[in-house]
Amino acid sequence: MRWVSKGVHLSIKFFVLMGAALSVLPLVFLIGGAFMGESELEQIAAPVISGGSGYASWHFIPLYPTFKNIIGLLFDTPEYYVLFWNSVKIVGVILIGQLVFAVPAAWGLARSRNRLSKIIFGLYMFCMILPFQVTMLSQYLVLNRLNMINTHWAVILPFVFSTFPIFIMYSAFEQVPDSVVEAARLDGAGGFKVFIYMAVPIAKRGILAAVILGFLEYWNIVEQPVVFLKDKYLLPLSVYLPDVTGGSAGKAFAFALFSCIPSLIIFYIGKDILAEGISIGSADD
């Protein structure tokens, strides 16, 4: 039986490693393509890029590495910076808005013990599982009535009042011990001071986890900008990609690579906070 258990363990480990390798493979493709010249890309990917016959091939290490695509993107593509700052603006305002509205809402729902709050939280969970395609028409009608279509607010406002960060923060605030709250109130602290000086520091890992998850989601949004924004200069980085045709494929690879770098940096910096913040019972009494 021992060798059977060891075999199962090795099989699981093998499949996990294979899954990790397959997950990293697209990034490896991007890095390789970003440093390939146009002639090399034409040779190995002509059926995909220019509609030629036959099958495309690929090699991970460029035969003739070049920085031409990177330099062209950073120094000869001004629209890249316009879209980059559009993404920074959209994501930044969304996250700030969620901290202003979602944190108090999660605290209030977590501390309330009446039936109405539980019903409200259940409705929040129901709204969270609804895909954008279900709520797209209603959101468009409301935003159009408010004259916000084709403005960044059309993308920002629905996410500011998203239910997902409340769900993450709710779990974190539930771990705030009742004894801590009661002790603070006995010392004369009001509800606001208890929230700011006691609850938020204890639940900070859950709050930071919600911020990190929010950044990863909103930096890569596609559907909302496509539906609500009409002018190209308003688009975020996530929905813009140069035409992948002969002569511009390398630039497209470089653009895609630089688009995902902020997400990789944020995830690497916050991976430990993310793992702790979304775990149940992370706060100690």
Protein backbone atom coordinates (compact mmCIF):
# COMPACT_ATOMS: atom_id res chain seq x y z
CA MET A 1 0.00 0.00 0.00
CA ARG A 2 2.91 2.31 0.62
CA TRP A 3 4.07 2.18 -3.01
CA VAL A 4 0.51 2.87 -4.15
CA SER A 5 0.37 5.99 -1.98
CA LYS A 6 3.75 7.10 -3.28
CA GLY A 7 2.62 6.53 -6.87
CA VAL A 8 -0.50 8.63 -6.33
CA HIS A 9 1.59 11.39 -4.75
CA LEU A 10 4.02 11.41 -7.70
CA SER A 11 1.13 11.42 -10.20
CA ILE A 12 -0.52 14.39 -8.50
CA LYS A 13 2.81 16.21 -8.39
CA PHE A 14 3.36 15.50 -12.09
CA PHE A 15 -0.05 16.86 -13.10
CA VAL A 16 0.40 19.94 -10.91
CA LEU A 17 3.77 20.67 -12.52
CA MET A 18 2.29 20.14 -15.98
CA GLY A 19 -0.55 22.50 -15.17
CA ALA A 20 1.91 25.12 -13.93
CA ALA A 21 4.01 24.75 -17.09
CA LEU A 22 0.96 25.14 -19.33
CA SER A 23 -0.10 28.23 -17.36
CA VAL A 24 3.28 29.87 -17.90
CA LEU A 25 3.47 28.89 -21.58
CA PRO A 26 1.54 31.92 -22.95
CA LEU A 27 3.93 34.27 -21.14
CA VAL A 28 6.88 32.41 -22.64
CA PHE A 29 5.33 32.86 -26.10
CA LEU A 30 4.93 36.59 -25.46
CA ILE A 31 8.52 37.04 -24.32
CA GLY A 32 9.89 35.11 -27.27
CA GLY A 33 7.73 36.95 -29.80
CA ALA A 34 8.55 40.37 -28.36
CA PHE A 35 12.25 39.84 -29.06
CA MET A 36 11.88 38.34 -32.55
CA GLY A 37 12.32 40.34 -35.71
CA GLU A 38 9.53 40.67 -38.24
CA SER A 39 11.27 38.45 -40.79
CA GLU A 40 11.68 35.66 -38.25
CA LEU A 41 8.04 35.94 -37.18
CA GLU A 42 6.97 35.83 -40.82
CA GLN A 43 8.93 32.65 -41.38
CA ILE A 44 7.60 30.70 -38.40
CA ALA A 45 4.04 32.08 -38.15
CA ALA A 46 3.11 33.06 -41.70
CA PRO A 47 -0.09 30.92 -41.77
CA VAL A 48 -1.41 32.83 -38.75
CA ILE A 49 -0.08 36.32 -39.44
CA SER A 50 -0.51 36.67 -43.18
CA GLY A 51 -2.99 33.89 -43.92
CA GLY A 52 -0.53 31.63 -45.70
CA SER A 53 -0.95 27.90 -46.19
CA GLY A 54 0.49 25.14 -44.05
CA TYR A 55 1.12 25.06 -40.32
CA ALA A 56 2.72 27.63 -38.07
CA SER A 57 5.81 26.64 -36.09
CA TRP A 58 7.44 28.20 -33.05
CA HIS A 59 10.69 28.25 -31.14
CA PHE A 60 10.91 29.75 -27.69
CA ILE A 61 14.37 31.31 -28.05
CA PRO A 62 14.68 33.90 -30.86
CA LEU A 63 17.35 33.01 -33.42
CA TYR A 64 18.15 36.69 -33.97
CA PRO A 65 17.10 38.58 -30.81
CA THR A 66 16.28 42.24 -31.24
CA PHE A 67 15.03 45.11 -29.09
CA LYS A 68 13.43 46.82 -32.07
CA ASN A 69 9.87 45.92 -31.03
CA ILE A 70 10.38 47.14 -27.45
CA ILE A 71 12.02 50.39 -28.56
CA GLY A 72 9.31 50.98 -31.15
CA LEU A 73 6.61 50.50 -28.53
CA LEU A 74 8.18 52.71 -25.85
CA PHE A 75 9.52 55.50 -28.04
CA ASP A 76 7.46 55.47 -31.22
CA THR A 77 3.95 54.54 -30.05
CA PRO A 78 2.36 57.47 -28.18
CA GLU A 79 -1.05 55.78 -28.06
CA TYR A 80 0.46 53.17 -25.74
CA TYR A 81 0.98 55.78 -23.02
CA VAL A 82 -2.49 57.27 -23.53
CA LEU A 83 -4.07 53.86 -23.01
CA PHE A 84 -1.73 53.04 -20.14
CA TRP A 85 -2.76 56.13 -18.19
CA ASN A 86 -6.40 55.42 -19.04
CA SER A 87 -5.98 52.05 -17.32
CA VAL A 88 -4.23 53.62 -14.34
CA LYS A 89 -7.02 56.18 -13.97
CA ILE A 90 -9.83 53.63 -14.27
CA VAL A 91 -8.30 51.07 -11.92
CA GLY A 92 -7.14 53.66 -9.38
CA VAL A 93 -10.51 55.40 -9.08
CA ILE A 94 -12.34 52.05 -8.86
CA LEU A 95 -10.13 50.82 -6.01
CA ILE A 96 -10.35 54.11 -4.11
CA GLY A 97 -14.13 54.11 -4.51
CA GLN A 98 -14.35 50.54 -3.23
CA LEU A 99 -12.30 51.42 -0.16
CA VAL A 100 -14.68 54.31 0.54
CA PHE A 101 -17.93 52.38 0.05
CA ALA A 102 -17.23 48.64 0.28
CA VAL A 103 -15.20 48.65 3.51
CA PRO A 104 -17.93 50.30 5.68
CA ALA A 105 -20.62 48.22 3.94
CA ALA A 106 -18.78 44.97 4.66
CA TRP A 107 -18.24 45.99 8.29
CA GLY A 108 -21.88 46.89 8.77
CA LEU A 109 -23.12 43.63 7.23
CA ALA A 110 -20.62 41.55 9.21
CA ARG A 111 -21.53 43.09 12.59
CA SER A 112 -25.27 43.26 12.10
CA ARG A 113 -27.19 40.33 13.57
CA ASN A 114 -30.70 41.06 12.30
CA ARG A 115 -32.41 39.07 9.57
CA LEU A 116 -32.59 41.99 7.13
CA SER A 117 -28.79 42.24 6.91
CA LYS A 118 -28.56 38.53 6.13
CA ILE A 119 -31.12 38.94 3.36
CA ILE A 120 -29.17 41.90 1.95
CA PHE A 121 -25.95 39.90 2.04
CA GLY A 122 -27.72 37.02 0.27
CA LEU A 123 -28.84 39.43 -2.46
CA TYR A 124 -25.25 40.65 -2.73
CA MET A 125 -24.09 37.09 -3.29
CA PHE A 126 -26.79 36.56 -5.91
CA CYS A 127 -25.68 39.70 -7.75
CA MET A 128 -22.06 38.56 -7.56
CA ILE A 129 -22.72 35.38 -9.55
CA LEU A 130 -24.56 37.22 -12.34
CA PRO A 131 -22.32 37.59 -15.42
CA PHE A 132 -21.93 40.95 -17.11
CA GLN A 133 -23.97 39.75 -20.09
CA VAL A 134 -27.05 39.52 -17.86
CA THR A 135 -26.76 43.03 -16.42
CA MET A 136 -25.27 44.71 -19.51
CA LEU A 137 -28.55 46.07 -20.90
CA SER A 138 -29.78 47.50 -17.59
CA GLN A 139 -26.38 49.08 -16.90
CA TYR A 140 -26.30 50.60 -20.37
CA LEU A 141 -29.81 52.09 -20.01
CA VAL A 142 -29.00 53.64 -16.62
CA LEU A 143 -25.62 55.00 -17.72
CA ASN A 144 -27.08 56.34 -20.95
CA ARG A 145 -29.81 58.12 -18.95
CA LEU A 146 -27.07 59.69 -16.81
CA ASN A 147 -25.17 60.77 -19.97
CA MET A 148 -22.13 58.73 -18.95
CA ILE A 149 -21.80 56.52 -22.03
CA ASN A 150 -18.47 57.10 -23.76
CA THR A 151 -16.90 58.39 -20.55
CA HIS A 152 -14.65 56.61 -18.08
CA TRP A 153 -17.36 56.92 -15.44
CA ALA A 154 -19.43 54.38 -17.37
CA VAL A 155 -16.76 51.79 -16.58
CA ILE A 156 -15.80 53.07 -13.13
CA LEU A 157 -19.13 53.51 -11.33
CA PRO A 158 -20.53 49.95 -11.74
CA PHE A 159 -17.27 48.52 -10.39
CA VAL A 160 -17.10 50.96 -7.47
CA PHE A 161 -20.31 49.38 -6.15
CA SER A 162 -19.32 45.82 -7.06
CA THR A 163 -20.35 43.10 -4.60
CA PHE A 164 -17.19 41.01 -4.87
CA PRO A 165 -14.91 43.12 -2.61
CA ILE A 166 -17.70 43.24 -0.02
CA PHE A 167 -17.76 39.44 -0.01
CA ILE A 168 -14.00 39.25 0.63
CA MET A 169 -14.03 41.98 3.28
CA TYR A 170 -17.15 40.54 4.93
CA SER A 171 -15.28 37.31 5.66
CA ALA A 172 -12.36 39.30 7.09
CA PHE A 173 -14.56 41.48 9.32
CA GLU A 174 -16.37 38.41 10.63
CA GLN A 175 -13.09 37.38 12.23
CA VAL A 176 -12.98 40.50 14.39
CA PRO A 177 -13.59 39.13 17.92
CA ASP A 178 -16.68 40.36 19.73
CA SER A 179 -14.57 40.66 22.88
CA VAL A 180 -12.35 43.26 21.21
CA VAL A 181 -15.34 45.31 20.10
CA GLU A 182 -16.99 45.15 23.52
CA ALA A 183 -13.75 46.07 25.32
CA ALA A 184 -13.31 49.11 23.06
CA ARG A 185 -16.89 50.24 23.71
CA LEU A 186 -16.46 49.83 27.45
CA ASP A 187 -13.44 52.13 27.19
CA GLY A 188 -15.69 54.77 25.65
CA ALA A 189 -14.91 54.27 21.95
CA GLY A 190 -17.78 55.05 19.59
CA GLY A 191 -18.76 53.04 16.55
CA PHE A 192 -16.55 55.05 14.18
CA LYS A 193 -13.45 54.69 16.36
CA VAL A 194 -14.07 50.97 16.77
CA PHE A 195 -14.30 50.65 13.00
CA ILE A 196 -11.21 52.75 12.19
CA TYR A 197 -8.85 51.80 15.02
CA MET A 198 -9.91 48.23 15.79
CA ALA A 199 -11.78 46.56 12.92
CA VAL A 200 -9.78 47.86 9.96
CA PRO A 201 -6.33 46.96 11.39
CA ILE A 202 -7.52 43.46 12.31
CA ALA A 203 -9.15 42.88 8.90
CA LYS A 204 -6.44 44.64 6.87
CA ARG A 205 -5.27 41.43 5.22
CA GLY A 206 -8.74 40.79 3.84
CA ILE A 207 -9.01 44.40 2.68
CA LEU A 208 -5.63 44.25 0.95
CA ALA A 209 -6.57 40.92 -0.62
CA ALA A 210 -9.71 42.51 -2.07
CA VAL A 211 -7.62 45.40 -3.44
CA ILE A 212 -5.12 43.04 -5.07
CA LEU A 213 -7.84 40.87 -6.60
CA GLY A 214 -9.59 44.01 -7.77
CA PHE A 215 -6.46 45.31 -9.47
CA LEU A 216 -5.90 42.01 -11.26
CA GLU A 217 -9.50 42.00 -12.48
CA TYR A 218 -9.92 45.63 -13.45
CA TRP A 219 -6.54 45.95 -15.16
CA ASN A 220 -7.68 43.26 -17.60
CA ILE A 221 -11.32 44.25 -18.16
CA VAL A 222 -12.49 43.88 -21.75
CA GLU A 223 -16.27 43.68 -22.03
CA GLN A 224 -17.25 46.88 -20.20
CA PRO A 225 -14.92 49.24 -22.14
CA VAL A 226 -15.96 47.67 -25.45
CA VAL A 227 -19.65 48.19 -24.66
CA PHE A 228 -19.58 51.59 -22.91
CA LEU A 229 -16.69 53.39 -24.65
CA LYS A 230 -16.79 54.46 -28.28
CA ASP A 231 -13.71 56.63 -28.78
CA LYS A 232 -10.41 54.79 -29.06
CA TYR A 233 -8.52 57.38 -27.03
CA LEU A 234 -10.69 56.48 -24.01
CA LEU A 235 -9.95 52.76 -24.13
CA PRO A 236 -7.81 51.10 -21.46
CA LEU A 237 -4.74 49.08 -22.23
CA SER A 238 -6.58 45.76 -21.96
CA VAL A 239 -8.73 46.19 -25.07
CA TYR A 240 -6.19 47.65 -27.45
CA LEU A 241 -3.96 45.52 -29.60
CA PRO A 242 -2.37 46.49 -32.90
CA ASP A 243 -3.42 44.49 -35.93
CA VAL A 244 -1.37 41.30 -36.00
CA THR A 245 -0.37 41.41 -39.64
CA GLY A 246 2.84 41.23 -41.55
CA GLY A 247 5.18 43.97 -40.38
CA SER A 248 3.48 44.60 -37.02
CA ALA A 249 3.39 41.20 -35.31
CA GLY A 250 6.48 41.93 -33.21
CA LYS A 251 4.99 45.19 -31.99
CA ALA A 252 1.79 43.37 -31.03
CA PHE A 253 3.78 40.83 -28.99
CA ALA A 254 5.65 43.65 -27.23
CA PHE A 255 2.40 45.47 -26.51
CA ALA A 256 0.81 42.35 -25.03
CA LEU A 257 3.90 41.65 -22.93
CA PHE A 258 4.04 45.15 -21.44
CA SER A 259 0.30 45.07 -20.83
CA CYS A 260 0.59 42.12 -18.45
CA ILE A 261 3.72 43.29 -16.59
CA PRO A 262 1.82 45.45 -14.01
CA SER A 263 -0.40 42.48 -13.11
CA LEU A 264 2.62 40.23 -12.69
CA ILE A 265 4.34 42.79 -10.44
CA ILE A 266 1.28 43.33 -8.24
CA PHE A 267 0.66 39.60 -7.93
CA TYR A 268 4.28 38.89 -7.03
CA ILE A 269 4.36 41.64 -4.40
CA GLY A 270 1.01 40.71 -2.88
CA LYS A 271 0.89 36.91 -3.24
CA ASP A 272 1.45 36.30 0.47
CA ILE A 273 -1.11 38.92 1.49
CA LEU A 274 -3.53 37.45 -1.03
CA ALA A 275 -3.12 33.92 0.33
CA GLU A 276 -3.61 35.06 3.93
CA GLY A 277 -6.37 37.57 3.26
CA ILE A 278 -8.79 35.20 1.53
CA SER A 279 -8.26 32.38 4.03
CA ILE A 280 -11.07 31.82 6.52
CA GLY A 281 -10.25 32.43 10.14
CA SER A 282 -7.08 34.37 9.42
CA ALA A 283 -7.61 36.73 12.36
CA ASP A 284 -6.81 35.58 15.84
CA ASP A 285 -8.84 36.29 18.94
